[in-house]
Protein backbone atom coordinates (compact mmCIF):
# COMPACT_ATOMS: atom_id res chain seq x y z
CA MET A 1 63.51 18.38 73.96
CA ALA A 2 60.17 17.46 73.19
CA ASP A 3 57.48 19.81 74.36
CA LEU A 4 55.52 18.02 76.42
CA ASP A 5 52.77 20.71 77.09
CA ALA A 6 52.10 20.91 73.21
CA LEU A 7 51.89 17.13 72.34
CA ARG A 8 49.37 16.60 75.24
CA LEU A 9 47.58 19.73 73.74
CA ARG A 10 47.72 18.11 69.88
CA PHE A 11 46.60 14.33 71.88
CA ALA A 12 43.58 16.39 73.14
CA ARG A 13 42.63 17.73 69.80
CA ALA A 14 42.86 14.80 68.13
CA LEU A 15 41.20 12.78 70.79
CA ASP A 16 38.11 15.37 71.03
CA ALA A 17 37.85 15.46 66.91
CA VAL A 18 37.23 11.85 66.70
CA ARG A 19 34.94 11.59 70.07
CA ALA A 20 31.14 13.09 70.60
CA PRO A 21 31.43 16.03 72.73
CA GLY A 22 31.41 15.15 76.44
CA GLY A 23 32.27 11.96 75.06
CA GLY A 24 34.67 10.21 77.29
CA PRO A 25 37.11 11.25 80.57
CA GLU A 26 39.46 13.67 80.02
CA PRO A 27 42.38 13.03 77.76
CA ALA A 28 45.84 14.55 79.77
CA ALA A 29 45.90 10.88 81.80
CA TYR A 30 46.11 9.20 78.52
CA ALA A 31 48.47 11.55 76.89
CA ASP A 32 50.33 11.25 79.98
CA ARG A 33 50.70 7.09 79.78
CA LEU A 34 51.73 7.17 75.91
CA LEU A 35 54.23 9.84 76.64
CA ALA A 36 55.48 8.06 79.31
CA ARG A 37 55.83 4.78 77.22
CA TRP A 38 57.62 7.03 74.62
CA GLN A 39 60.37 8.26 76.72
CA GLU A 40 61.22 4.96 78.24
CA PRO A 41 65.17 3.95 78.11
CA GLN A 42 65.42 1.35 75.12
CA ARG A 43 64.62 3.97 72.85
CA ARG A 44 67.22 6.00 70.45
CA TYR A 45 64.89 6.82 67.47
CA HIS A 46 61.33 5.90 68.01
CA THR A 47 61.27 8.64 70.78
CA LEU A 48 59.22 11.76 71.31
CA THR A 49 61.20 13.40 68.76
CA HIS A 50 60.02 10.78 66.13
CA LEU A 51 56.57 10.78 67.10
CA THR A 52 56.89 14.66 66.57
CA ALA A 53 57.99 14.09 63.77
CA VAL A 54 55.27 12.10 62.40
CA LEU A 55 52.61 14.18 63.83
CA ASP A 56 54.47 17.37 61.91
CA HIS A 57 54.21 14.80 58.79
CA ILE A 58 50.73 14.11 59.19
CA ASP A 59 49.96 18.15 59.57
CA VAL A 60 51.78 18.18 55.93
CA LEU A 61 50.01 15.44 54.78
CA GLU A 62 46.60 15.84 56.39
CA THR A 63 45.09 17.12 52.81
CA HIS A 64 45.41 13.64 51.57
CA ALA A 65 43.82 11.72 54.41
CA ALA A 66 40.34 11.13 54.60
CA ASP A 67 40.15 11.31 58.68
CA PRO A 68 43.10 12.91 59.71
CA ASP A 69 42.50 12.74 63.29
CA VAL A 70 42.35 9.13 63.32
CA VAL A 71 45.58 9.11 61.19
CA ARG A 72 47.19 11.13 64.12
CA LEU A 73 45.72 9.09 67.17
CA ALA A 74 47.52 5.84 65.31
CA ALA A 75 50.65 8.23 65.11
CA TRP A 76 50.53 8.00 68.81
CA PHE A 77 50.08 4.17 68.97
CA HIS A 78 51.71 2.96 66.47
CA ASP A 79 55.07 2.47 68.49
CA ALA A 80 53.56 3.06 71.66
CA VAL A 81 55.05 -0.34 72.20
CA TYR A 82 58.71 -0.89 71.41
CA LEU A 83 61.54 -3.27 72.43
CA PRO A 84 63.82 -3.44 69.84
CA GLU A 85 64.19 -7.16 70.46
CA ARG A 86 61.18 -8.34 70.10
CA SER A 87 59.07 -8.79 66.85
CA GLU A 88 55.55 -8.16 67.33
CA ASN A 89 55.44 -4.37 68.47
CA GLU A 90 52.85 -3.08 66.07
CA GLU A 91 50.51 -6.04 67.16
CA ARG A 92 51.25 -5.11 71.05
CA SER A 93 51.12 -1.00 70.35
CA ALA A 94 47.48 -2.10 68.62
CA ARG A 95 45.97 -3.97 70.77
CA LEU A 96 47.20 -0.86 73.53
CA ALA A 97 44.87 1.35 70.99
CA GLU A 98 41.82 -1.21 71.43
CA ARG A 99 41.98 -1.10 75.25
CA ALA A 100 42.35 2.26 75.92
CA LEU A 101 40.36 4.52 72.87
CA PRO A 102 36.98 2.90 74.06
CA GLU A 103 37.47 3.83 77.59
CA ALA A 104 38.46 7.62 76.14
CA GLY A 105 35.08 7.58 74.22
CA VAL A 106 36.13 6.70 70.70
CA GLU A 107 33.49 4.86 69.17
CA ARG A 108 34.33 0.99 67.91
CA ALA A 109 34.59 1.90 64.29
CA ARG A 110 37.10 4.76 64.54
CA VAL A 111 39.15 2.28 67.20
CA ALA A 112 39.18 -0.12 64.56
CA GLU A 113 40.47 2.13 62.32
CA VAL A 114 43.16 3.40 64.54
CA ALA A 115 44.61 -0.10 64.95
CA ARG A 116 44.00 -1.18 61.51
CA LEU A 117 46.25 1.61 60.78
CA VAL A 118 48.93 0.81 63.34
CA ARG A 119 48.92 -2.41 62.02
CA LEU A 120 49.90 -1.23 58.63
CA THR A 121 53.19 0.28 60.06
CA VAL A 122 54.41 -3.48 59.80
CA THR A 123 54.69 -3.35 56.11
CA HIS A 124 54.61 0.68 54.99
CA ASP A 125 52.46 -1.05 52.26
CA PRO A 126 48.79 0.78 51.82
CA ALA A 127 46.34 0.00 49.35
CA GLY A 128 45.77 2.48 46.59
CA ASP A 129 42.80 3.62 47.66
CA ASP A 130 43.39 3.78 51.62
CA ARG A 131 44.05 7.25 51.74
CA ASP A 132 44.58 6.91 55.33
CA GLY A 133 47.31 4.19 55.63
CA GLN A 134 49.22 6.00 52.77
CA VAL A 135 49.30 9.41 54.76
CA LEU A 136 50.44 7.34 58.03
CA CYS A 137 52.60 5.13 56.22
CA ASP A 138 54.88 8.47 54.43
CA ALA A 139 54.67 10.31 57.65
CA ASP A 140 56.54 7.26 59.33
CA LEU A 141 58.67 6.96 56.39
CA ALA A 142 58.99 10.76 55.84
CA ILE A 143 63.00 10.55 57.75
CA LEU A 144 63.95 8.25 54.80
CA ALA A 145 64.20 11.82 52.88
CA ALA A 146 65.72 14.07 55.99
CA SER A 147 68.63 15.67 54.84
CA PRO A 148 72.36 13.89 54.61
CA SER A 149 72.96 14.78 58.40
CA ALA A 150 69.67 14.29 59.64
CA TYR A 151 69.41 10.79 57.80
CA ALA A 152 72.94 9.61 59.39
CA GLY A 153 71.36 10.95 62.79
CA TYR A 154 68.32 8.07 62.46
CA ALA A 155 70.78 5.95 61.16
CA ALA A 156 73.02 5.97 63.83
CA GLU A 157 70.15 5.90 66.33
CA VAL A 158 68.73 2.95 64.81
CA ARG A 159 71.69 1.36 65.24
CA GLN A 160 71.91 2.30 68.66
CA GLU A 161 68.40 0.91 69.75
CA TYR A 162 69.64 -2.62 68.03
CA HIS A 163 73.06 -2.43 69.88
CA PHE A 164 72.92 -5.92 71.34
CA VAL A 165 72.88 -7.39 67.13
CA PRO A 166 76.71 -8.08 66.42
CA ASP A 167 77.99 -6.10 63.60
CA ASP A 168 78.58 -8.13 60.71
CA ALA A 169 74.73 -9.24 61.53
CA PHE A 170 73.26 -6.13 61.57
CA ARG A 171 74.66 -4.80 58.22
CA GLN A 172 73.59 -8.09 56.90
CA GLY A 173 69.92 -7.24 58.12
CA ARG A 174 70.33 -3.45 57.77
CA SER A 175 71.63 -3.97 54.25
CA GLY A 176 68.76 -6.42 53.52
CA VAL A 177 65.56 -3.75 54.81
CA LEU A 178 67.48 -1.16 52.23
CA ARG A 179 67.42 -3.28 49.46
CA GLN A 180 64.12 -4.19 50.26
CA LEU A 181 63.68 -0.48 50.06
CA LEU A 182 64.96 0.62 47.49
CA ALA A 183 63.30 -2.08 45.06
CA LEU A 184 59.91 -0.62 45.73
CA PRO A 185 58.00 1.27 43.16
CA ARG A 186 57.50 4.01 44.97
CA LEU A 187 58.45 4.15 48.56
CA PHE A 188 55.84 7.42 49.26
CA ARG A 189 51.86 6.76 48.09
CA THR A 190 50.41 10.56 48.80
CA PRO A 191 51.17 12.77 45.69
CA TYR A 192 52.73 14.94 47.94
CA GLY A 193 55.38 12.60 49.30
CA GLN A 194 56.19 11.23 46.01
CA GLU A 195 56.96 14.54 44.74
CA HIS A 196 58.38 16.11 47.19
CA TRP A 197 60.82 12.97 49.37
CA GLU A 198 61.09 10.22 46.95
CA ALA A 199 64.29 11.12 44.82
CA THR A 200 66.01 12.05 48.64
CA ALA A 201 64.63 9.37 49.94
CA ARG A 202 66.13 6.66 47.45
CA TRP A 203 69.83 8.61 47.59
CA ASN A 204 69.37 8.40 51.47
CA LEU A 205 69.10 4.87 51.20
CA ALA A 206 71.49 4.24 48.23
CA ALA A 207 74.21 5.87 50.18
CA GLU A 208 73.60 3.98 53.62
CA LEU A 209 73.81 0.83 51.63
CA GLU A 210 76.97 1.67 50.04
CA MET A 211 78.71 2.77 53.18
CA LEU A 212 77.46 -0.75 54.99
CA SER A 213 78.63 -2.53 51.74
CA PRO A 214 81.77 -4.41 53.05
């Protein structure tokens, strides 16, 4: 069970860090609206547990980021809009950030950076000099390097979110995603991710792909 009070505090700290002192309304209402989104009933993997994990991994990687609190805000928004049957969730999440953050007192340049990072999670392919993008993408993909049992739980939750897709179609689509990931020269872009997560993630992906094979 996620600690809602702890999450509210984490959101408030990130928001306060990217705006001028006294630069906007109290963070609580914004945090509560986001928390409500992350608790919607259609979610199985993209839940508060995932949000907390991404924030925790950003904490691990923050020395690699140029603006870690902007990355944290991007984590809050990156799956704020999530409907499994829709393909434009990242774009709608970015637009939500573009509406909410100026009202919350965040300057235009940092709002634009949050939205850019959210959109980057469509491809998880940050540029070589995109330090903030690398941290967000690595934090979002860190589940791939979980223990075998935790990875199996993640895979099962993804299947539950796509319960409306027939088994054969899901196996085909999921296998394609796994092959694309395994074909990448690197899954993780930060030095930490490459050292600590890359090998385990590739093992997990290959094992899932084998299980999906007919």
